[in-house]
Every structure is written in C-alpha cells, then in structure tokens.
Amino acid sequence: MAEEIFNSFDKALKNILGQFNMLYVNINSSCDLQNIESKTPINIILGLLGDLRGSVIIGMDNKLGNKLVENISDGFMNDINSEMARSALSELGNMITAYASTNLFSYGYKTDITTPTLVVGEDLTAIVCRTQSKMMTYVTEHGNVQMVIGLWQ
C-alpha cells in the first residue's frame, strides 16, 4: 500500500478522534493481513469507490465505543445500546473515511465512500473481502481502535 494512502487514513483517524476529546491517539502497531477483517466488538465498515476501490473497517473495543458515544453526544448518551448511539458511531466512520478521501484527493486520487455498516457483538469476526489489507492498531486514553484498509486499484 502506498505511503500516501496509509498517511491519509492515519491523519484522518487522529484528527477526527481528536475532535471528540481523544487527545492521545498513537499507533501501536501495523501489519499486513490476507483479508479485510476485524475481531473487535464494534466495527464500522465502509467502502471506497473511484480511483481506489476497497473497504475500510474501523474497529474498537466497548470501552472506547462507549466513551466516544458519550463525547459525541456531549454526555447525553453513555453507551452504544441505543439506536441513536449506534447512528453516532456510524457517522464517526463516515467522518473518518470522508476525511481520508479528502486527503487522498490531494495526492491525485478521486474517491467516494459508501454508506457505513455497523456490526456489533462479542466473539465475532467480520470478514468483508479476501484481499490483501493493512491493519493499523492505535492506543487511546480510553481504549483501543484499529483500522483495516484493503484496496485494489
């Protein structure tokens, strides 16, 4: 995966989470995978269309998901167990992926994003597509988040 693609998504995740008071967002590790897949309990799945085609999964643990819902709603909600809270998490996926898409445009890639799909549950594996992908794992002050990006040009 080209460095500018990785950097576009990295910058997007850090910037958008920062807007919701996640002040400490640092990459912990990255690795290549054979599938676009996630094993986290909260997964936001979006597609990319245009010059780059593929899928993105933004996965997180429950602790971070609940804290993000609380921060997004300014304390009105504090867990993911409502339709409005789950909608807020889906919108978070839209924001991160749209920001990355805007970053990619500065490198000459014209992309669009699909509607997000939210998959929530314990002990599950979400496999979107069997293609080479890159997983980046981040640590925040409120839990862990991972981003899995699988693209074909």
C-alpha atoms as a PDB file:
ATOM      1  CA  MET A   1       0.000   0.000   0.000  1.00  0.00           C
ATOM      2  CA  ALA A   2       1.380   3.377  -0.994  1.00  0.00           C
ATOM      3  CA  GLU A   3       2.608   5.538   1.865  1.00  0.00           C
ATOM      4  CA  GLU A   4       0.281   8.431   0.989  1.00  0.00           C
ATOM      5  CA  ILE A   5      -2.746   6.133   1.359  1.00  0.00           C
ATOM      6  CA  PHE A   6      -1.611   4.931   4.789  1.00  0.00           C
ATOM      7  CA  ASN A   7      -0.854   8.526   5.862  1.00  0.00           C
ATOM      8  CA  SER A   8      -4.235   9.792   4.652  1.00  0.00           C
ATOM      9  CA  PHE A   9      -6.146   7.322   6.820  1.00  0.00           C
ATOM     10  CA  ASP A  10      -3.790   7.746   9.782  1.00  0.00           C
ATOM     11  CA  LYS A  11      -4.211  11.527   9.718  1.00  0.00           C
ATOM     12  CA  ALA A  12      -7.996  11.196   9.361  1.00  0.00           C
ATOM     13  CA  LEU A  13      -8.373   8.873  12.355  1.00  0.00           C
ATOM     14  CA  LYS A  14      -6.213  11.020  14.615  1.00  0.00           C
ATOM     15  CA  ASN A  15      -7.889  14.269  13.566  1.00  0.00           C
ATOM     16  CA  ILE A  16     -11.488  13.086  13.903  1.00  0.00           C
ATOM     17  CA  LEU A  17     -10.941  11.291  17.218  1.00  0.00           C
ATOM     18  CA  GLY A  18      -9.185  14.441  18.445  1.00  0.00           C
ATOM     19  CA  GLN A  19     -12.336  16.434  17.698  1.00  0.00           C
ATOM     20  CA  PHE A  20     -14.131  14.229  20.222  1.00  0.00           C
ATOM     21  CA  ASN A  21     -11.599  14.757  23.028  1.00  0.00           C
ATOM     22  CA  MET A  22      -9.407  11.764  22.283  1.00  0.00           C
ATOM     23  CA  LEU A  23      -6.172  13.645  22.869  1.00  0.00           C
ATOM     24  CA  TYR A  24      -3.860  10.634  22.979  1.00  0.00           C
ATOM     25  CA  VAL A  25      -4.154   8.602  19.767  1.00  0.00           C
ATOM     26  CA  ASN A  26      -0.930   6.797  18.915  1.00  0.00           C
ATOM     27  CA  ILE A  27      -0.276   3.977  16.514  1.00  0.00           C
ATOM     28  CA  ASN A  28       0.762   0.886  18.414  1.00  0.00           C
ATOM     29  CA  SER A  29       1.412  -1.483  15.525  1.00  0.00           C
ATOM     30  CA  SER A  30       0.683  -2.213  11.887  1.00  0.00           C
ATOM     31  CA  CYS A  31       0.680  -5.441   9.940  1.00  0.00           C
ATOM     32  CA  ASP A  32      -0.411  -6.949   6.657  1.00  0.00           C
ATOM     33  CA  LEU A  33      -3.425  -9.272   6.547  1.00  0.00           C
ATOM     34  CA  GLN A  34      -4.753 -11.714   3.964  1.00  0.00           C
ATOM     35  CA  ASN A  35      -8.350 -10.481   4.436  1.00  0.00           C
ATOM     36  CA  ILE A  36     -10.190  -7.296   5.243  1.00  0.00           C
ATOM     37  CA  GLU A  37     -11.296  -8.486   8.670  1.00  0.00           C
ATOM     38  CA  SER A  38     -11.778  -7.421  12.267  1.00  0.00           C
ATOM     39  CA  LYS A  39     -12.345  -9.251  15.548  1.00  0.00           C
ATOM     40  CA  THR A  40     -13.284  -6.225  17.674  1.00  0.00           C
ATOM     41  CA  PRO A  41     -16.728  -5.981  19.312  1.00  0.00           C
ATOM     42  CA  ILE A  42     -17.625  -2.733  17.476  1.00  0.00           C
ATOM     43  CA  ASN A  43     -16.961  -2.456  13.720  1.00  0.00           C
ATOM     44  CA  ILE A  44     -17.821   0.323  11.288  1.00  0.00           C
ATOM     45  CA  ILE A  45     -17.456  -0.892   7.697  1.00  0.00           C
ATOM     46  CA  LEU A  46     -17.299   1.431   4.693  1.00  0.00           C
ATOM     47  CA  GLY A  47     -16.379   1.058   1.054  1.00  0.00           C
ATOM     48  CA  LEU A  48     -14.226   3.230  -1.202  1.00  0.00           C
ATOM     49  CA  LEU A  49     -15.127   3.841  -4.844  1.00  0.00           C
ATOM     50  CA  GLY A  50     -13.365   5.675  -7.655  1.00  0.00           C
ATOM     51  CA  ASP A  51      -9.624   5.670  -8.345  1.00  0.00           C
ATOM     52  CA  LEU A  52      -9.184   3.445  -5.283  1.00  0.00           C
ATOM     53  CA  ARG A  53     -11.646   0.659  -4.614  1.00  0.00           C
ATOM     54  CA  GLY A  54     -11.866  -1.338  -1.463  1.00  0.00           C
ATOM     55  CA  SER A  55     -13.121  -1.456   2.097  1.00  0.00           C
ATOM     56  CA  VAL A  56     -12.247   0.058   5.432  1.00  0.00           C
ATOM     57  CA  ILE A  57     -13.113  -1.328   8.859  1.00  0.00           C
ATOM     58  CA  ILE A  58     -12.797   0.890  11.902  1.00  0.00           C
ATOM     59  CA  GLY A  59     -12.965  -1.457  14.872  1.00  0.00           C
ATOM     60  CA  MET A  60     -12.858  -0.662  18.567  1.00  0.00           C
ATOM     61  CA  ASP A  61     -13.361  -2.119  21.989  1.00  0.00           C
ATOM     62  CA  ASN A  62     -16.514  -1.434  24.012  1.00  0.00           C
ATOM     63  CA  LYS A  63     -14.790   0.937  26.410  1.00  0.00           C
ATOM     64  CA  LEU A  64     -13.727   3.268  23.607  1.00  0.00           C
ATOM     65  CA  GLY A  65     -17.056   2.942  21.791  1.00  0.00           C
ATOM     66  CA  ASN A  66     -18.970   3.943  24.905  1.00  0.00           C
ATOM     67  CA  LYS A  67     -16.646   6.883  25.591  1.00  0.00           C
ATOM     68  CA  LEU A  68     -16.921   8.106  22.001  1.00  0.00           C
ATOM     69  CA  VAL A  69     -20.730   7.969  22.186  1.00  0.00           C
ATOM     70  CA  GLU A  70     -20.573   9.968  25.420  1.00  0.00           C
ATOM     71  CA  ASN A  71     -18.235  12.572  23.893  1.00  0.00           C
ATOM     72  CA  ILE A  72     -20.133  12.823  20.599  1.00  0.00           C
ATOM     73  CA  SER A  73     -23.429  13.369  22.454  1.00  0.00           C
ATOM     74  CA  ASP A  74     -21.872  15.762  24.994  1.00  0.00           C
ATOM     75  CA  GLY A  75     -22.801  13.385  27.823  1.00  0.00           C
ATOM     76  CA  PHE A  76     -26.402  12.761  26.691  1.00  0.00           C
ATOM     77  CA  MET A  77     -25.651   9.082  25.977  1.00  0.00           C
ATOM     78  CA  ASN A  78     -23.001   6.920  27.635  1.00  0.00           C
ATOM     79  CA  ASP A  79     -23.167   3.534  25.909  1.00  0.00           C
ATOM     80  CA  ILE A  80     -23.845   2.035  22.491  1.00  0.00           C
ATOM     81  CA  ASN A  81     -27.132   0.357  23.426  1.00  0.00           C
ATOM     82  CA  SER A  82     -29.463   2.783  21.673  1.00  0.00           C
ATOM     83  CA  GLU A  83     -30.288   3.381  18.032  1.00  0.00           C
ATOM     84  CA  MET A  84     -29.115   6.986  18.294  1.00  0.00           C
ATOM     85  CA  ALA A  85     -25.778   5.959  19.816  1.00  0.00           C
ATOM     86  CA  ARG A  86     -25.177   3.412  17.075  1.00  0.00           C
ATOM     87  CA  SER A  87     -26.056   6.022  14.475  1.00  0.00           C
ATOM     88  CA  ALA A  88     -23.457   8.320  16.050  1.00  0.00           C
ATOM     89  CA  LEU A  89     -20.788   5.630  15.694  1.00  0.00           C
ATOM     90  CA  SER A  90     -21.743   5.059  12.067  1.00  0.00           C
ATOM     91  CA  GLU A  91     -21.428   8.792  11.448  1.00  0.00           C
ATOM     92  CA  LEU A  92     -17.988   8.698  13.073  1.00  0.00           C
ATOM     93  CA  GLY A  93     -16.986   6.141  10.435  1.00  0.00           C
ATOM     94  CA  ASN A  94     -18.335   8.472   7.733  1.00  0.00           C
ATOM     95  CA  MET A  95     -16.310  11.363   9.122  1.00  0.00           C
ATOM     96  CA  ILE A  96     -13.037   9.442   9.320  1.00  0.00           C
ATOM     97  CA  THR A  97     -13.355   7.878   5.870  1.00  0.00           C
ATOM     98  CA  ALA A  98     -14.546  11.112   4.221  1.00  0.00           C
ATOM     99  CA  TYR A  99     -11.598  12.980   5.772  1.00  0.00           C
ATOM    100  CA  ALA A 100      -9.248  10.315   4.398  1.00  0.00           C
ATOM    101  CA  SER A 101     -10.941  10.615   0.991  1.00  0.00           C
ATOM    102  CA  THR A 102     -10.305  14.377   1.041  1.00  0.00           C
ATOM    103  CA  ASN A 103      -6.662  13.745   1.961  1.00  0.00           C
ATOM    104  CA  LEU A 104      -6.350  11.244  -0.887  1.00  0.00           C
ATOM    105  CA  PHE A 105      -7.587  13.870  -3.350  1.00  0.00           C
ATOM    106  CA  SER A 106      -4.508  15.979  -2.548  1.00  0.00           C
ATOM    107  CA  TYR A 107      -2.437  13.013  -3.838  1.00  0.00           C
ATOM    108  CA  GLY A 108      -4.469  12.809  -7.041  1.00  0.00           C
ATOM    109  CA  TYR A 109      -6.894  10.033  -6.051  1.00  0.00           C
ATOM    110  CA  LYS A 110     -10.572  10.771  -6.684  1.00  0.00           C
ATOM    111  CA  THR A 111     -12.625   8.644  -4.305  1.00  0.00           C
ATOM    112  CA  ASP A 112     -16.080   8.452  -2.808  1.00  0.00           C
ATOM    113  CA  ILE A 113     -17.323   6.491   0.195  1.00  0.00           C
ATOM    114  CA  THR A 114     -20.269   4.156   0.693  1.00  0.00           C
ATOM    115  CA  THR A 115     -22.846   4.167   3.455  1.00  0.00           C
ATOM    116  CA  PRO A 116     -21.465   2.702   6.692  1.00  0.00           C
ATOM    117  CA  THR A 117     -22.488  -0.648   8.117  1.00  0.00           C
ATOM    118  CA  LEU A 118     -22.202  -1.098  11.875  1.00  0.00           C
ATOM    119  CA  VAL A 119     -21.518  -4.609  13.180  1.00  0.00           C
ATOM    120  CA  VAL A 120     -21.640  -5.038  16.977  1.00  0.00           C
ATOM    121  CA  GLY A 121     -21.178  -8.189  19.010  1.00  0.00           C
ATOM    122  CA  GLU A 122     -18.867 -10.181  21.207  1.00  0.00           C
ATOM    123  CA  ASP A 123     -16.790 -13.065  19.822  1.00  0.00           C
ATOM    124  CA  LEU A 124     -17.345 -12.259  16.182  1.00  0.00           C
ATOM    125  CA  THR A 125     -15.133 -11.940  13.145  1.00  0.00           C
ATOM    126  CA  ALA A 126     -16.216  -9.533  10.414  1.00  0.00           C
ATOM    127  CA  ILE A 127     -14.663 -10.508   7.068  1.00  0.00           C
ATOM    128  CA  VAL A 128     -15.506  -8.078   4.275  1.00  0.00           C
ATOM    129  CA  CYS A 129     -13.336  -9.366   1.456  1.00  0.00           C
ATOM    130  CA  ARG A 130     -10.494 -11.747   0.862  1.00  0.00           C
ATOM    131  CA  THR A 131      -7.800  -9.397  -0.357  1.00  0.00           C
ATOM    132  CA  GLN A 132      -4.510  -8.077   0.945  1.00  0.00           C
ATOM    133  CA  SER A 133      -5.036  -5.438   3.602  1.00  0.00           C
ATOM    134  CA  LYS A 134      -3.169  -3.442   6.191  1.00  0.00           C
ATOM    135  CA  MET A 135      -4.222  -3.222   9.832  1.00  0.00           C
ATOM    136  CA  MET A 136      -3.147  -0.311  11.996  1.00  0.00           C
ATOM    137  CA  THR A 137      -3.762  -0.599  15.740  1.00  0.00           C
ATOM    138  CA  TYR A 138      -3.960   2.524  17.899  1.00  0.00           C
ATOM    139  CA  VAL A 139      -3.972   3.143  21.626  1.00  0.00           C
ATOM    140  CA  THR A 140      -6.045   5.965  23.120  1.00  0.00           C
ATOM    141  CA  GLU A 141      -6.555   7.099  26.679  1.00  0.00           C
ATOM    142  CA  HIS A 142      -9.968   5.374  26.632  1.00  0.00           C
ATOM    143  CA  GLY A 143      -9.336   2.124  24.779  1.00  0.00           C
ATOM    144  CA  ASN A 144      -8.062   0.645  21.542  1.00  0.00           C
ATOM    145  CA  VAL A 145      -9.054   1.208  17.942  1.00  0.00           C
ATOM    146  CA  GLN A 146      -7.916  -0.489  14.772  1.00  0.00           C
ATOM    147  CA  MET A 147      -8.288   0.419  11.143  1.00  0.00           C
ATOM    148  CA  VAL A 148      -8.132  -2.226   8.431  1.00  0.00           C
ATOM    149  CA  ILE A 149      -7.752  -0.984   4.861  1.00  0.00           C
ATOM    150  CA  GLY A 150      -7.946  -3.232   1.834  1.00  0.00           C
ATOM    151  CA  LEU A 151      -7.690  -1.640  -1.601  1.00  0.00           C
ATOM    152  CA  TRP A 152      -7.384  -2.615  -5.216  1.00  0.00           C
ATOM    153  CA  GLN A 153      -6.608  -0.015  -7.884  1.00  0.00           C
END
